[in-house]
């Protein structure tokens, strides 16, 4: 593959990875939040801290939402698309470049969180 063509392929794969992973993570984030919130609830219970009913209800609703979201066809599609894009990156650009792109993605989203002025 020509160097200029390889750069175009690389940019497309980076764009496809970024946009697909962002969409996937919008759904997946709820699972991560639930995992952490359940840990917090368990911690509160073990230490006999008062737990507001609203927090318990919030977690219960997240559990119900998670089941619906993870069985939704869009979630399944995004999960499979992400795996295919990761494989394509390794195929076209190599495992080393895949690792570099993953690190760049993580750095960028960590930076966004730290610089966020929301909440």
Protein backbone atom coordinates (compact mmCIF):
# COMPACT_ATOMS: atom_id res chain seq x y z
CA UNK A 1 0.00 0.00 0.00
CA UNK A 2 1.30 3.48 -0.87
CA UNK A 3 2.34 5.67 2.06
CA UNK A 4 -0.27 8.34 1.20
CA UNK A 5 -2.98 5.69 0.91
CA UNK A 6 -1.92 4.13 4.19
CA UNK A 7 -2.24 7.53 5.91
CA UNK A 8 -5.79 7.90 4.59
CA UNK A 9 -6.66 4.41 5.76
CA UNK A 10 -5.11 5.20 9.14
CA UNK A 11 -7.14 8.40 9.55
CA UNK A 12 -10.34 6.66 8.53
CA UNK A 13 -9.71 3.83 10.98
CA UNK A 14 -8.94 6.32 13.76
CA UNK A 15 -12.17 8.21 13.00
CA UNK A 16 -14.20 4.98 12.82
CA UNK A 17 -12.69 3.76 16.09
CA UNK A 18 -13.30 7.05 17.88
CA UNK A 19 -16.89 7.51 16.77
CA UNK A 20 -17.85 3.87 17.33
CA UNK A 21 -16.18 3.68 20.72
CA UNK A 22 -17.86 6.93 21.83
CA UNK A 23 -21.26 5.55 20.85
CA UNK A 24 -20.55 2.20 22.49
CA UNK A 25 -19.28 3.83 25.66
CA UNK A 26 -22.40 6.00 26.00
CA UNK A 27 -24.22 2.74 26.65
CA UNK A 28 -21.39 0.89 28.41
CA UNK A 29 -20.87 3.80 30.82
CA UNK A 30 -24.13 2.91 32.54
CA UNK A 31 -22.70 -0.52 33.42
CA UNK A 32 -19.53 1.03 34.78
CA UNK A 33 -21.50 3.54 36.83
CA UNK A 34 -23.69 0.75 38.18
CA UNK A 35 -20.64 -1.26 39.22
CA UNK A 36 -19.22 1.70 41.15
CA UNK A 37 -22.58 2.73 42.63
CA UNK A 38 -23.21 -0.82 43.86
CA UNK A 39 -19.78 -0.82 45.48
CA UNK A 40 -20.60 2.46 47.21
CA UNK A 41 -23.94 1.09 48.38
CA UNK A 42 -22.21 -2.03 49.73
CA UNK A 43 -19.56 0.12 51.44
CA UNK A 44 -22.26 2.22 53.08
CA UNK A 45 -24.04 -0.92 54.28
CA UNK A 46 -20.87 -2.50 55.69
CA UNK A 47 -20.02 0.67 57.59
CA UNK A 48 -23.61 1.18 58.71
CA UNK A 49 -23.91 4.56 56.99
CA UNK A 50 -27.38 5.84 56.26
CA UNK A 51 -28.36 5.24 52.64
CA UNK A 52 -31.06 7.50 51.21
CA UNK A 53 -33.92 5.60 49.58
CA UNK A 54 -33.43 7.76 46.47
CA UNK A 55 -29.96 6.26 46.02
CA UNK A 56 -31.31 2.72 46.36
CA UNK A 57 -34.07 3.51 43.85
CA UNK A 58 -31.52 5.08 41.50
CA UNK A 59 -29.42 1.89 41.53
CA UNK A 60 -32.47 -0.32 41.04
CA UNK A 61 -33.48 1.74 38.00
CA UNK A 62 -29.94 1.51 36.59
CA UNK A 63 -30.08 -2.29 36.92
CA UNK A 64 -33.32 -2.40 34.93
CA UNK A 65 -31.95 0.02 32.31
CA UNK A 66 -28.74 -1.98 31.92
CA UNK A 67 -30.62 -5.16 31.03
CA UNK A 68 -32.65 -3.33 28.38
CA UNK A 69 -29.66 -1.50 26.90
CA UNK A 70 -27.39 -4.54 26.65
CA UNK A 71 -30.01 -6.54 24.77
CA UNK A 72 -30.78 -3.71 22.36
CA UNK A 73 -29.68 -4.40 18.76
CA UNK A 74 -27.75 -1.10 18.60
CA UNK A 75 -25.57 -2.14 21.56
CA UNK A 76 -24.83 -5.52 20.01
CA UNK A 77 -24.04 -3.86 16.65
CA UNK A 78 -21.70 -1.30 18.23
CA UNK A 79 -19.91 -3.96 20.27
CA UNK A 80 -19.34 -6.09 17.15
CA UNK A 81 -18.40 -3.07 15.01
CA UNK A 82 -15.84 -1.98 17.59
CA UNK A 83 -14.25 -5.44 17.59
CA UNK A 84 -14.12 -5.41 13.77
CA UNK A 85 -12.53 -1.96 13.67
CA UNK A 86 -9.93 -3.01 16.23
CA UNK A 87 -9.11 -6.03 14.05
CA UNK A 88 -8.91 -3.82 10.95
CA UNK A 89 -6.50 -1.45 12.70
CA UNK A 90 -4.25 -4.36 13.63
CA UNK A 91 -4.50 -5.73 10.09
CA UNK A 92 -3.81 -2.49 8.21
CA UNK A 93 -1.59 -0.64 10.69
CA UNK A 94 -0.14 -3.31 12.96
CA UNK A 95 -0.38 -4.19 16.63
CA UNK A 96 2.09 -1.50 17.66
CA UNK A 97 0.02 1.23 16.03
CA UNK A 98 -3.12 -0.25 17.60
CA UNK A 99 -1.52 0.15 21.02
CA UNK A 100 -0.51 3.73 20.23
CA UNK A 101 -4.03 4.64 19.07
CA UNK A 102 -5.57 3.12 22.20
CA UNK A 103 -3.22 5.16 24.38
CA UNK A 104 -4.03 8.35 22.47
CA UNK A 105 -7.75 7.72 22.85
CA UNK A 106 -7.44 7.14 26.61
CA UNK A 107 -5.27 10.25 27.03
CA UNK A 108 -7.74 12.39 25.10
CA UNK A 109 -10.77 11.27 27.08
CA UNK A 110 -8.94 11.54 30.40
CA UNK A 111 -7.95 15.09 29.42
CA UNK A 112 -11.57 15.91 28.56
CA UNK A 113 -12.75 14.66 31.96
CA UNK A 114 -10.13 16.62 33.84
CA UNK A 115 -10.81 19.82 31.89
CA UNK A 116 -14.58 19.52 32.05
CA UNK A 117 -16.31 22.39 33.81
CA UNK A 118 -19.60 20.52 34.14
CA UNK A 119 -20.91 19.57 37.57
